[in-house]
Amino acid sequence: MKDKIFEYVRENYGCIPDYPWESSPECAVLRHTKSRKWFALFMEVKRSVFGLGEGMVWVVNLKCHIPERECLIAEGKAFPAYHMNKKQWTSVLLDGSVDEASLFNLMDQSYEMTQ
């Protein structure tokens, strides 16, 4: 799913992933082309962080309007952001629980909110 998202933002916004951490070379950040602010953070975290048991899961942290964020959390499709401000950021699992079109819509929203 990460690769599809990377392709989507490259085609729509001209963004390419940035890998800023030597200690976590697989973690990626997407930055707004004008403001250079992060609009997405991809990382692999312990499932237990979200109360989901054992193992690891890939997530993307996105900036999101509060009503939509609350709805996603209530539906179990997202969680308060791991490692970010929990008021406007949310963590979305990249395990197929959120469909591709919805993820692209969230990407668009996050990109717009970080101008």
PDB file of N, CA and C in Angstrom:
ATOM      1  N   MET A   1       0.818  -1.190   0.000  1.00  0.00           N
ATOM      2  CA  MET A   1       0.000   0.000   0.000  1.00  0.00           C
ATOM      3  C   MET A   1       0.869   1.264   0.000  1.00  0.00           C
ATOM      4  N   LYS A   2       1.999   1.212   0.711  1.00  0.00           N
ATOM      5  CA  LYS A   2       2.894   2.371   0.735  1.00  0.00           C
ATOM      6  C   LYS A   2       3.282   2.784  -0.677  1.00  0.00           C
ATOM      7  N   ASP A   3       3.644   1.822  -1.493  1.00  0.00           N
ATOM      8  CA  ASP A   3       4.092   2.134  -2.851  1.00  0.00           C
ATOM      9  C   ASP A   3       2.981   2.802  -3.675  1.00  0.00           C
ATOM     10  N   LYS A   4       1.743   2.348  -3.500  1.00  0.00           N
ATOM     11  CA  LYS A   4       0.622   2.963  -4.214  1.00  0.00           C
ATOM     12  C   LYS A   4       0.423   4.409  -3.758  1.00  0.00           C
ATOM     13  N   ILE A   5       0.558   4.635  -2.462  1.00  0.00           N
ATOM     14  CA  ILE A   5       0.420   5.994  -1.939  1.00  0.00           C
ATOM     15  C   ILE A   5       1.550   6.874  -2.459  1.00  0.00           C
ATOM     16  N   PHE A   6       2.772   6.349  -2.436  1.00  0.00           N
ATOM     17  CA  PHE A   6       3.911   7.121  -2.946  1.00  0.00           C
ATOM     18  C   PHE A   6       3.700   7.491  -4.416  1.00  0.00           C
ATOM     19  N   GLU A   7       3.181   6.560  -5.195  1.00  0.00           N
ATOM     20  CA  GLU A   7       2.907   6.825  -6.606  1.00  0.00           C
ATOM     21  C   GLU A   7       1.820   7.890  -6.745  1.00  0.00           C
ATOM     22  N   TYR A   8       0.776   7.785  -5.925  1.00  0.00           N
ATOM     23  CA  TYR A   8      -0.327   8.752  -5.966  1.00  0.00           C
ATOM     24  C   TYR A   8       0.164  10.172  -5.676  1.00  0.00           C
ATOM     25  N   VAL A   9       0.931  10.356  -4.612  1.00  0.00           N
ATOM     26  CA  VAL A   9       1.374  11.717  -4.256  1.00  0.00           C
ATOM     27  C   VAL A   9       2.427  12.241  -5.245  1.00  0.00           C
ATOM     28  N   ARG A  10       3.206  11.350  -5.823  1.00  0.00           N
ATOM     29  CA  ARG A  10       4.168  11.790  -6.840  1.00  0.00           C
ATOM     30  C   ARG A  10       3.422  12.309  -8.066  1.00  0.00           C
ATOM     31  N   GLU A  11       2.412  11.566  -8.492  1.00  0.00           N
ATOM     32  CA  GLU A  11       1.646  11.963  -9.671  1.00  0.00           C
ATOM     33  C   GLU A  11       0.795  13.206  -9.431  1.00  0.00           C
ATOM     34  N   ASN A  12       0.240  13.351  -8.226  1.00  0.00           N
ATOM     35  CA  ASN A  12      -0.693  14.442  -7.947  1.00  0.00           C
ATOM     36  C   ASN A  12      -0.050  15.688  -7.355  1.00  0.00           C
ATOM     37  N   TYR A  13       1.055  15.516  -6.639  1.00  0.00           N
ATOM     38  CA  TYR A  13       1.664  16.657  -5.957  1.00  0.00           C
ATOM     39  C   TYR A  13       3.150  16.824  -6.240  1.00  0.00           C
ATOM     40  N   GLY A  14       3.738  15.891  -6.943  1.00  0.00           N
ATOM     41  CA  GLY A  14       5.167  15.974  -7.220  1.00  0.00           C
ATOM     42  C   GLY A  14       6.033  15.682  -6.006  1.00  0.00           C
ATOM     43  N   CYS A  15       5.473  14.979  -5.027  1.00  0.00           N
ATOM     44  CA  CYS A  15       6.205  14.653  -3.792  1.00  0.00           C
ATOM     45  C   CYS A  15       6.872  13.284  -3.908  1.00  0.00           C
ATOM     46  N   ILE A  16       8.045  13.186  -3.325  1.00  0.00           N
ATOM     47  CA  ILE A  16       8.708  11.889  -3.206  1.00  0.00           C
ATOM     48  C   ILE A  16       9.028  11.670  -1.738  1.00  0.00           C
ATOM     49  N   PRO A  17       9.089  10.423  -1.311  1.00  0.00           N
ATOM     50  CA  PRO A  17       9.365  10.149   0.102  1.00  0.00           C
ATOM     51  C   PRO A  17      10.754  10.620   0.515  1.00  0.00           C
ATOM     52  N   ASP A  18      10.823  11.054   1.738  1.00  0.00           N
ATOM     53  CA  ASP A  18      12.066  11.479   2.373  1.00  0.00           C
ATOM     54  C   ASP A  18      12.310  10.489   3.513  1.00  0.00           C
ATOM     55  N   TYR A  19      13.530  10.030   3.650  1.00  0.00           N
ATOM     56  CA  TYR A  19      13.892   9.060   4.686  1.00  0.00           C
ATOM     57  C   TYR A  19      14.892   9.729   5.634  1.00  0.00           C
ATOM     58  N   PRO A  20      14.392  10.507   6.610  1.00  0.00           N
ATOM     59  CA  PRO A  20      15.274  11.361   7.409  1.00  0.00           C
ATOM     60  C   PRO A  20      16.029  10.695   8.556  1.00  0.00           C
ATOM     61  N   TRP A  21      15.705   9.453   8.889  1.00  0.00           N
ATOM     62  CA  TRP A  21      16.318   8.839  10.073  1.00  0.00           C
ATOM     63  C   TRP A  21      17.232   7.683   9.713  1.00  0.00           C
ATOM     64  N   GLU A  22      18.490   7.851  10.013  1.00  0.00           N
ATOM     65  CA  GLU A  22      19.469   6.779   9.786  1.00  0.00           C
ATOM     66  C   GLU A  22      19.124   5.548  10.600  1.00  0.00           C
ATOM     67  N   SER A  23      18.644   5.763  11.821  1.00  0.00           N
ATOM     68  CA  SER A  23      18.338   4.640  12.709  1.00  0.00           C
ATOM     69  C   SER A  23      17.056   3.904  12.309  1.00  0.00           C
ATOM     70  N   SER A  24      16.223   4.514  11.477  1.00  0.00           N
ATOM     71  CA  SER A  24      14.988   3.894  10.982  1.00  0.00           C
ATOM     72  C   SER A  24      14.861   4.155   9.482  1.00  0.00           C
ATOM     73  N   PRO A  25      15.727   3.532   8.697  1.00  0.00           N
ATOM     74  CA  PRO A  25      15.776   3.856   7.263  1.00  0.00           C
ATOM     75  C   PRO A  25      14.514   3.492   6.479  1.00  0.00           C
ATOM     76  N   GLU A  26      13.644   2.669   7.037  1.00  0.00           N
ATOM     77  CA  GLU A  26      12.424   2.285   6.332  1.00  0.00           C
ATOM     78  C   GLU A  26      11.287   3.276   6.576  1.00  0.00           C
ATOM     79  N   CYS A  27      11.404   4.119   7.596  1.00  0.00           N
ATOM     80  CA  CYS A  27      10.384   5.127   7.899  1.00  0.00           C
ATOM     81  C   CYS A  27      10.505   6.289   6.927  1.00  0.00           C
ATOM     82  N   ALA A  28       9.361   6.746   6.427  1.00  0.00           N
ATOM     83  CA  ALA A  28       9.366   7.795   5.407  1.00  0.00           C
ATOM     84  C   ALA A  28       8.457   8.949   5.799  1.00  0.00           C
ATOM     85  N   VAL A  29       8.810  10.115   5.287  1.00  0.00           N
ATOM     86  CA  VAL A  29       8.031  11.328   5.473  1.00  0.00           C
ATOM     87  C   VAL A  29       7.685  11.867   4.093  1.00  0.00           C
ATOM     88  N   LEU A  30       6.463  12.363   3.960  1.00  0.00           N
ATOM     89  CA  LEU A  30       6.078  13.102   2.761  1.00  0.00           C
ATOM     90  C   LEU A  30       5.909  14.553   3.170  1.00  0.00           C
ATOM     91  N   ARG A  31       6.541  15.446   2.408  1.00  0.00           N
ATOM     92  CA  ARG A  31       6.518  16.876   2.718  1.00  0.00           C
ATOM     93  C   ARG A  31       5.744  17.639   1.646  1.00  0.00           C
ATOM     94  N   HIS A  32       5.008  18.645   2.098  1.00  0.00           N
ATOM     95  CA  HIS A  32       4.284  19.528   1.188  1.00  0.00           C
ATOM     96  C   HIS A  32       5.306  20.214   0.278  1.00  0.00           C
ATOM     97  N   THR A  33       5.013  20.299  -1.000  1.00  0.00           N
ATOM     98  CA  THR A  33       5.982  20.844  -1.958  1.00  0.00           C
ATOM     99  C   THR A  33       6.284  22.324  -1.735  1.00  0.00           C
ATOM    100  N   LYS A  34       5.331  23.083  -1.198  1.00  0.00           N
ATOM    101  CA  LYS A  34       5.568  24.514  -0.963  1.00  0.00           C
ATOM    102  C   LYS A  34       6.065  24.792   0.454  1.00  0.00           C
ATOM    103  N   SER A  35       5.338  24.325   1.456  1.00  0.00           N
ATOM    104  CA  SER A  35       5.673  24.659   2.844  1.00  0.00           C
ATOM    105  C   SER A  35       6.780  23.778   3.419  1.00  0.00           C
ATOM    106  N   ARG A  36       7.009  22.626   2.796  1.00  0.00           N
ATOM    107  CA  ARG A  36       7.971  21.619   3.267  1.00  0.00           C
ATOM    108  C   ARG A  36       7.552  20.988   4.596  1.00  0.00           C
ATOM    109  N   LYS A  37       6.339  21.285   5.047  1.00  0.00           N
ATOM    110  CA  LYS A  37       5.814  20.662   6.264  1.00  0.00           C
ATOM    111  C   LYS A  37       5.447  19.219   5.959  1.00  0.00           C
ATOM    112  N   TRP A  38       5.566  18.384   6.957  1.00  0.00           N
ATOM    113  CA  TRP A  38       5.143  16.993   6.811  1.00  0.00           C
ATOM    114  C   TRP A  38       3.633  16.954   6.614  1.00  0.00           C
ATOM    115  N   PHE A  39       3.191  16.104   5.697  1.00  0.00           N
ATOM    116  CA  PHE A  39       1.760  15.816   5.633  1.00  0.00           C
ATOM    117  C   PHE A  39       1.495  14.322   5.798  1.00  0.00           C
ATOM    118  N   ALA A  40       2.556  13.529   5.844  1.00  0.00           N
ATOM    119  CA  ALA A  40       2.397  12.093   6.098  1.00  0.00           C
ATOM    120  C   ALA A  40       3.689  11.528   6.671  1.00  0.00           C
ATOM    121  N   LEU A  41       3.524  10.641   7.622  1.00  0.00           N
ATOM    122  CA  LEU A  41       4.653   9.939   8.235  1.00  0.00           C
ATOM    123  C   LEU A  41       4.335   8.455   8.219  1.00  0.00           C
ATOM    124  N   PHE A  42       5.176   7.674   7.562  1.00  0.00           N
ATOM    125  CA  PHE A  42       5.016   6.221   7.465  1.00  0.00           C
ATOM    126  C   PHE A  42       5.994   5.551   8.417  1.00  0.00           C
ATOM    127  N   MET A  43       5.467   4.644   9.255  1.00  0.00           N
ATOM    128  CA  MET A  43       6.344   3.932  10.179  1.00  0.00           C
ATOM    129  C   MET A  43       5.724   2.594  10.556  1.00  0.00           C
ATOM    130  N   GLU A  44       6.599   1.702  10.965  1.00  0.00           N
ATOM    131  CA  GLU A  44       6.168   0.403  11.453  1.00  0.00           C
ATOM    132  C   GLU A  44       6.213   0.453  12.972  1.00  0.00           C
ATOM    133  N   VAL A  45       5.085   0.133  13.605  1.00  0.00           N
ATOM    134  CA  VAL A  45       4.999   0.195  15.067  1.00  0.00           C
ATOM    135  C   VAL A  45       4.428  -1.103  15.624  1.00  0.00           C
ATOM    136  N   LYS A  46       4.613  -1.281  16.913  1.00  0.00           N
ATOM    137  CA  LYS A  46       4.052  -2.454  17.583  1.00  0.00           C
ATOM    138  C   LYS A  46       2.534  -2.357  17.583  1.00  0.00           C
ATOM    139  N   ARG A  47       1.883  -3.456  17.242  1.00  0.00           N
ATOM    140  CA  ARG A  47       0.421  -3.501  17.241  1.00  0.00           C
ATOM    141  C   ARG A  47      -0.133  -3.205  18.637  1.00  0.00           C
ATOM    142  N   SER A  48       0.625  -3.555  19.648  1.00  0.00           N
ATOM    143  CA  SER A  48       0.169  -3.347  21.022  1.00  0.00           C
ATOM    144  C   SER A  48      -0.030  -1.870  21.355  1.00  0.00           C
ATOM    145  N   VAL A  49       0.641  -0.966  20.635  1.00  0.00           N
ATOM    146  CA  VAL A  49       0.471   0.480  20.830  1.00  0.00           C
ATOM    147  C   VAL A  49      -0.998   0.865  20.638  1.00  0.00           C
ATOM    148  N   PHE A  50      -1.683   0.155  19.769  1.00  0.00           N
ATOM    149  CA  PHE A  50      -3.085   0.427  19.469  1.00  0.00           C
ATOM    150  C   PHE A  50      -4.027  -0.583  20.126  1.00  0.00           C
ATOM    151  N   GLY A  51      -3.477  -1.418  21.002  1.00  0.00           N
ATOM    152  CA  GLY A  51      -4.294  -2.435  21.664  1.00  0.00           C
ATOM    153  C   GLY A  51      -4.684  -3.557  20.733  1.00  0.00           C
ATOM    154  N   LEU A  52      -3.831  -3.861  19.744  1.00  0.00           N
ATOM    155  CA  LEU A  52      -4.162  -4.861  18.724  1.00  0.00           C
ATOM    156  C   LEU A  52      -3.370  -6.155  18.850  1.00  0.00           C
ATOM    157  N   GLY A  53      -2.772  -6.409  20.002  1.00  0.00           N
ATOM    158  CA  GLY A  53      -2.056  -7.665  20.190  1.00  0.00           C
ATOM    159  C   GLY A  53      -0.596  -7.592  19.803  1.00  0.00           C
ATOM    160  N   GLU A  54      -0.078  -8.727  19.395  1.00  0.00           N
ATOM    161  CA  GLU A  54       1.349  -8.886  19.114  1.00  0.00           C
ATOM    162  C   GLU A  54       1.692  -8.545  17.670  1.00  0.00           C
ATOM    163  N   GLY A  55       2.988  -8.370  17.442  1.00  0.00           N
ATOM    164  CA  GLY A  55       3.489  -8.143  16.090  1.00  0.00           C
ATOM    165  C   GLY A  55       3.622  -6.672  15.764  1.00  0.00           C
ATOM    166  N   MET A  56       3.921  -6.423  14.507  1.00  0.00           N
ATOM    167  CA  MET A  56       4.152  -5.070  14.013  1.00  0.00           C
ATOM    168  C   MET A  56       3.129  -4.748  12.917  1.00  0.00           C
ATOM    169  N   VAL A  57       2.892  -3.458  12.703  1.00  0.00           N
ATOM    170  CA  VAL A  57       1.969  -3.020  11.660  1.00  0.00           C
ATOM    171  C   VAL A  57       2.492  -1.696  11.093  1.00  0.00           C
ATOM    172  N   TRP A  58       2.319  -1.527   9.775  1.00  0.00           N
ATOM    173  CA  TRP A  58       2.661  -0.259   9.138  1.00  0.00           C
ATOM    174  C   TRP A  58       1.491   0.693   9.300  1.00  0.00           C
ATOM    175  N   VAL A  59       1.804   1.944   9.636  1.00  0.00           N
ATOM    176  CA  VAL A  59       0.791   2.989   9.754  1.00  0.00           C
ATOM    177  C   VAL A  59       1.263   4.225   9.000  1.00  0.00           C
ATOM    178  N   VAL A  60       0.308   5.073   8.685  1.00  0.00           N
ATOM    179  CA  VAL A  60       0.620   6.400   8.163  1.00  0.00           C
ATOM    180  C   VAL A  60      -0.079   7.393   9.075  1.00  0.00           C
ATOM    181  N   ASN A  61       0.664   8.371   9.549  1.00  0.00           N
ATOM    182  CA  ASN A  61       0.097   9.460  10.327  1.00  0.00           C
ATOM    183  C   ASN A  61      -0.254  10.582   9.362  1.00  0.00           C
ATOM    184  N   LEU A  62      -1.479  11.072   9.474  1.00  0.00           N
ATOM    185  CA  LEU A  62      -1.984  12.111   8.581  1.00  0.00           C
ATOM    186  C   LEU A  62      -2.683  13.196   9.378  1.00  0.00           C
ATOM    187  N   LYS A  63      -2.581  14.416   8.895  1.00  0.00           N
ATOM    188  CA  LYS A  63      -3.335  15.514   9.481  1.00  0.00           C
ATOM    189  C   LYS A  63      -4.760  15.392   8.957  1.00  0.00           C
ATOM    190  N   CYS A  64      -5.725  15.609   9.836  1.00  0.00           N
ATOM    191  CA  CYS A  64      -7.108  15.319   9.483  1.00  0.00           C
ATOM    192  C   CYS A  64      -8.032  16.287  10.209  1.00  0.00           C
ATOM    193  N   HIS A  65      -9.110  16.699   9.545  1.00  0.00           N
ATOM    194  CA  HIS A  65     -10.108  17.531  10.206  1.00  0.00           C
ATOM    195  C   HIS A  65     -10.705  16.755  11.383  1.00  0.00           C
ATOM    196  N   ILE A  66     -10.915  17.430  12.487  1.00  0.00           N
ATOM    197  CA  ILE A  66     -11.322  16.765  13.723  1.00  0.00           C
ATOM    198  C   ILE A  66     -12.594  15.925  13.561  1.00  0.00           C
ATOM    199  N   PRO A  67     -13.665  16.403  12.929  1.00  0.00           N
ATOM    200  CA  PRO A  67     -14.866  15.553  12.803  1.00  0.00           C
ATOM    201  C   PRO A  67     -14.588  14.249  12.039  1.00  0.00           C
ATOM    202  N   GLU A  68     -13.828  14.350  10.961  1.00  0.00           N
ATOM    203  CA  GLU A  68     -13.512  13.137  10.191  1.00  0.00           C
ATOM    204  C   GLU A  68     -12.609  12.208  10.993  1.00  0.00           C
ATOM    205  N   ARG A  69     -11.643  12.801  11.700  1.00  0.00           N
ATOM    206  CA  ARG A  69     -10.739  12.028  12.556  1.00  0.00           C
ATOM    207  C   ARG A  69     -11.547  11.242  13.581  1.00  0.00           C
ATOM    208  N   GLU A  70     -12.486  11.911  14.251  1.00  0.00           N
ATOM    209  CA  GLU A  70     -13.300  11.246  15.270  1.00  0.00           C
ATOM    210  C   GLU A  70     -14.146  10.121  14.678  1.00  0.00           C
ATOM    211  N   CYS A  71     -14.673  10.340  13.487  1.00  0.00           N
ATOM    212  CA  CYS A  71     -15.468   9.320  12.807  1.00  0.00           C
ATOM    213  C   CYS A  71     -14.620   8.100  12.478  1.00  0.00           C
ATOM    214  N   LEU A  72     -13.422   8.322  11.941  1.00  0.00           N
ATOM    215  CA  LEU A  72     -12.517   7.216  11.608  1.00  0.00           C
ATOM    216  C   LEU A  72     -12.145   6.417  12.853  1.00  0.00           C
ATOM    217  N   ILE A  73     -11.897   7.131  13.940  1.00  0.00           N
ATOM    218  CA  ILE A  73     -11.539   6.451  15.191  1.00  0.00           C
ATOM    219  C   ILE A  73     -12.726   5.642  15.703  1.00  0.00           C
ATOM    220  N   ALA A  74     -13.924   6.236  15.679  1.00  0.00           N
ATOM    221  CA  ALA A  74     -15.131   5.541  16.142  1.00  0.00           C
ATOM    222  C   ALA A  74     -15.405   4.280  15.324  1.00  0.00           C
ATOM    223  N   GLU A  75     -15.089   4.324  14.018  1.00  0.00           N
ATOM    224  CA  GLU A  75     -15.298   3.165  13.145  1.00  0.00           C
ATOM    225  C   GLU A  75     -14.190   2.125  13.282  1.00  0.00           C
ATOM    226  N   GLY A  76     -13.149   2.440  14.059  1.00  0.00           N
ATOM    227  CA  GLY A  76     -12.035   1.515  14.231  1.00  0.00           C
ATOM    228  C   GLY A  76     -11.092   1.482  13.049  1.00  0.00           C
ATOM    229  N   LYS A  77     -11.168   2.504  12.176  1.00  0.00           N
ATOM    230  CA  LYS A  77     -10.309   2.559  10.987  1.00  0.00           C
ATOM    231  C   LYS A  77      -9.051   3.373  11.220  1.00  0.00           C
ATOM    232  N   ALA A  78      -8.998   4.065  12.361  1.00  0.00           N
ATOM    233  CA  ALA A  78      -7.838   4.896  12.683  1.00  0.00           C
ATOM    234  C   ALA A  78      -7.731   5.004  14.204  1.00  0.00           C
ATOM    235  N   PHE A  79      -6.620   5.579  14.636  1.00  0.00           N
ATOM    236  CA  PHE A  79      -6.334   5.729  16.063  1.00  0.00           C
ATOM    237  C   PHE A  79      -5.764   7.115  16.303  1.00  0.00           C
ATOM    238  N   PRO A  80      -5.861   7.593  17.548  1.00  0.00           N
ATOM    239  CA  PRO A  80      -5.149   8.841  17.839  1.00  0.00           C
ATOM    240  C   PRO A  80      -3.698   8.668  17.417  1.00  0.00           C
ATOM    241  N   ALA A  81      -3.143   9.686  16.823  1.00  0.00           N
ATOM    242  CA  ALA A  81      -1.818   9.578  16.205  1.00  0.00           C
ATOM    243  C   ALA A  81      -0.760   9.083  17.172  1.00  0.00           C
ATOM    244  N   TYR A  82      -0.013   8.111  16.705  1.00  0.00           N
ATOM    245  CA  TYR A  82       1.139   7.618  17.453  1.00  0.00           C
ATOM    246  C   TYR A  82       2.299   8.563  17.181  1.00  0.00           C
ATOM    247  N   HIS A  83       2.872   9.086  18.228  1.00  0.00           N
ATOM    248  CA  HIS A  83       4.089   9.890  18.137  1.00  0.00           C
ATOM    249  C   HIS A  83       3.862  11.274  17.507  1.00  0.00           C
ATOM    250  N   MET A  84       2.620  11.751  17.510  1.00  0.00           N
ATOM    251  CA  MET A  84       2.313  13.069  16.935  1.00  0.00           C
ATOM    252  C   MET A  84       1.233  13.730  17.794  1.00  0.00           C
ATOM    253  N   ASN A  85       0.926  14.989  17.505  1.00  0.00           N
ATOM    254  CA  ASN A  85      -0.156  15.704  18.160  1.00  0.00           C
ATOM    255  C   ASN A  85      -1.462  14.953  17.886  1.00  0.00           C
ATOM    256  N   LYS A  86      -2.125  14.531  18.937  1.00  0.00           N
ATOM    257  CA  LYS A  86      -3.313  13.699  18.786  1.00  0.00           C
ATOM    258  C   LYS A  86      -4.575  14.500  18.489  1.00  0.00           C
ATOM    259  N   LYS A  87      -4.484  15.820  18.487  1.00  0.00           N
ATOM    260  CA  LYS A  87      -5.667  16.647  18.257  1.00  0.00           C
ATOM    261  C   LYS A  87      -6.050  16.678  16.774  1.00  0.00           C
ATOM    262  N   GLN A  88      -5.076  16.827  15.894  1.00  0.00           N
ATOM    263  CA  GLN A  88      -5.374  16.909  14.463  1.00  0.00           C
ATOM    264  C   GLN A  88      -4.735  15.800  13.639  1.00  0.00           C
ATOM    265  N   TRP A  89      -3.928  14.969  14.253  1.00  0.00           N
ATOM    266  CA  TRP A  89      -3.264  13.897  13.512  1.00  0.00           C
ATOM    267  C   TRP A  89      -3.877  12.560  13.900  1.00  0.00           C
ATOM    268  N   THR A  90      -3.898  11.659  12.957  1.00  0.00           N
ATOM    269  CA  THR A  90      -4.426  10.326  13.201  1.00  0.00           C
ATOM    270  C   THR A  90      -3.491   9.285  12.589  1.00  0.00           C
ATOM    271  N   SER A  91      -3.466   8.117  13.176  1.00  0.00           N
ATOM    272  CA  SER A  91      -2.707   6.991  12.636  1.00  0.00           C
ATOM    273  C   SER A  91      -3.672   6.046  11.935  1.00  0.00           C
ATOM    274  N   VAL A  92      -3.394   5.798  10.669  1.00  0.00           N
ATOM    275  CA  VAL A  92      -4.221   4.898   9.865  1.00  0.00           C
ATOM    276  C   VAL A  92      -3.400   3.649   9.575  1.00  0.00           C
ATOM    277  N   LEU A  93      -3.966   2.490   9.884  1.00  0.00           N
ATOM    278  CA  LEU A  93      -3.281   1.227   9.614  1.00  0.00           C
ATOM    279  C   LEU A  93      -3.213   0.986   8.109  1.00  0.00           C
ATOM    280  N   LEU A  94      -2.082   0.509   7.654  1.00  0.00           N
ATOM    281  CA  LEU A  94      -1.917   0.167   6.239  1.00  0.00           C
ATOM    282  C   LEU A  94      -2.019  -1.345   6.059  1.00  0.00           C
ATOM    283  N   ASP A  95      -3.070  -1.904   6.645  1.00  0.00           N
ATOM    284  CA  ASP A  95      -3.277  -3.354   6.606  1.00  0.00           C
ATOM    285  C   ASP A  95      -4.487  -3.746   5.769  1.00  0.00           C
ATOM    286  N   GLY A  96      -5.022  -2.775   5.005  1.00  0.00           N
ATOM    287  CA  GLY A  96      -6.187  -3.050   4.175  1.00  0.00           C
ATOM    288  C   GLY A  96      -7.504  -2.697   4.836  1.00  0.00           C
ATOM    289  N   SER A  97      -7.495  -2.289   6.093  1.00  0.00           N
ATOM    290  CA  SER A  97      -8.744  -1.954   6.779  1.00  0.00           C
ATOM    291  C   SER A  97      -9.348  -0.649   6.258  1.00  0.00           C
ATOM    292  N   VAL A  98      -8.539   0.189   5.623  1.00  0.00           N
ATOM    293  CA  VAL A  98      -9.026   1.412   4.976  1.00  0.00           C
ATOM    294  C   VAL A  98      -8.753   1.260   3.484  1.00  0.00           C
ATOM    295  N   ASP A  99      -9.793   1.433   2.685  1.00  0.00           N
ATOM    296  CA  ASP A  99      -9.637   1.213   1.248  1.00  0.00           C
ATOM    297  C   ASP A  99      -8.771   2.302   0.605  1.00  0.00           C
ATOM    298  N   GLU A 100      -8.271   1.982  -0.560  1.00  0.00           N
ATOM    299  CA  GLU A 100      -7.343   2.846  -1.292  1.00  0.00           C
ATOM    300  C   GLU A 100      -7.920   4.237  -1.552  1.00  0.00           C
ATOM    301  N   ALA A 101      -9.162   4.309  -2.005  1.00  0.00           N
ATOM    302  CA  ALA A 101      -9.778   5.611  -2.308  1.00  0.00           C
ATOM    303  C   ALA A 101      -9.868   6.476  -1.056  1.00  0.00           C
ATOM    304  N   SER A 102     -10.206   5.883   0.069  1.00  0.00           N
ATOM    305  CA  SER A 102     -10.284   6.632   1.326  1.00  0.00           C
ATOM    306  C   SER A 102      -8.905   7.118   1.750  1.00  0.00           C
ATOM    307  N   LEU A 103      -7.893   6.275   1.582  1.00  0.00           N
ATOM    308  CA  LEU A 103      -6.526   6.693   1.917  1.00  0.00           C
ATOM    309  C   LEU A 103      -6.086   7.865   1.044  1.00  0.00           C
ATOM    310  N   PHE A 104      -6.394   7.810  -0.239  1.00  0.00           N
ATOM    311  CA  PHE A 104      -6.030   8.912  -1.133  1.00  0.00           C
ATOM    312  C   PHE A 104      -6.756  10.193  -0.723  1.00  0.00           C
ATOM    313  N   ASN A 105      -8.019  10.076  -0.331  1.00  0.00           N
ATOM    314  CA  ASN A 105      -8.781  11.232   0.132  1.00  0.00           C
ATOM    315  C   ASN A 105      -8.140  11.824   1.395  1.00  0.00           C
ATOM    316  N   LEU A 106      -7.714  10.968   2.310  1.00  0.00           N
ATOM    317  CA  LEU A 106      -7.042  11.436   3.527  1.00  0.00           C
ATOM    318  C   LEU A 106      -5.704  12.089   3.191  1.00  0.00           C
ATOM    319  N   MET A 107      -5.002  11.545   2.213  1.00  0.00           N
ATOM    320  CA  MET A 107      -3.748  12.155   1.766  1.00  0.00           C
ATOM    321  C   MET A 107      -4.005  13.563   1.240  1.00  0.00           C
ATOM    322  N   ASP A 108      -5.050  13.707   0.421  1.00  0.00           N
ATOM    323  CA  ASP A 108      -5.395  15.017  -0.125  1.00  0.00           C
ATOM    324  C   ASP A 108      -5.696  16.007   0.993  1.00  0.00           C
ATOM    325  N   GLN A 109      -6.478  15.563   1.955  1.00  0.00           N
ATOM    326  CA  GLN A 109      -6.847  16.425   3.067  1.00  0.00           C
ATOM    327  C   GLN A 109      -5.615  16.856   3.869  1.00  0.00           C
ATOM    328  N   SER A 110      -4.740  15.919   4.153  1.00  0.00           N
ATOM    329  CA  SER A 110      -3.535  16.221   4.918  1.00  0.00           C
ATOM    330  C   SER A 110      -2.634  17.183   4.146  1.00  0.00           C
ATOM    331  N   TYR A 111      -2.522  16.962   2.844  1.00  0.00           N
ATOM    332  CA  TYR A 111      -1.707  17.846   2.014  1.00  0.00           C
ATOM    333  C   TYR A 111      -2.263  19.272   2.051  1.00  0.00           C
ATOM    334  N   GLU A 112      -3.574  19.399   1.905  1.00  0.00           N
ATOM    335  CA  GLU A 112      -4.219  20.715   1.930  1.00  0.00           C
ATOM    336  C   GLU A 112      -4.053  21.398   3.286  1.00  0.00           C
ATOM    337  N   MET A 113      -4.114  20.653   4.362  1.00  0.00           N
ATOM    338  CA  MET A 113      -4.041  21.225   5.701  1.00  0.00           C
ATOM    339  C   MET A 113      -2.632  21.675   6.084  1.00  0.00           C
ATOM    340  N   THR A 114      -1.633  21.281   5.317  1.00  0.00           N
ATOM    341  CA  THR A 114      -0.248  21.637   5.666  1.00  0.00           C
ATOM    342  C   THR A 114       0.326  22.704   4.742  1.00  0.00           C
ATOM    343  N   GLN A 115      -0.507  23.379   3.999  1.00  0.00           N
ATOM    344  CA  GLN A 115      -0.028  24.443   3.105  1.00  0.00           C
ATOM    345  C   GLN A 115       0.597  25.575   3.883  1.00  0.00           C
TER     346      GLN A 115
END
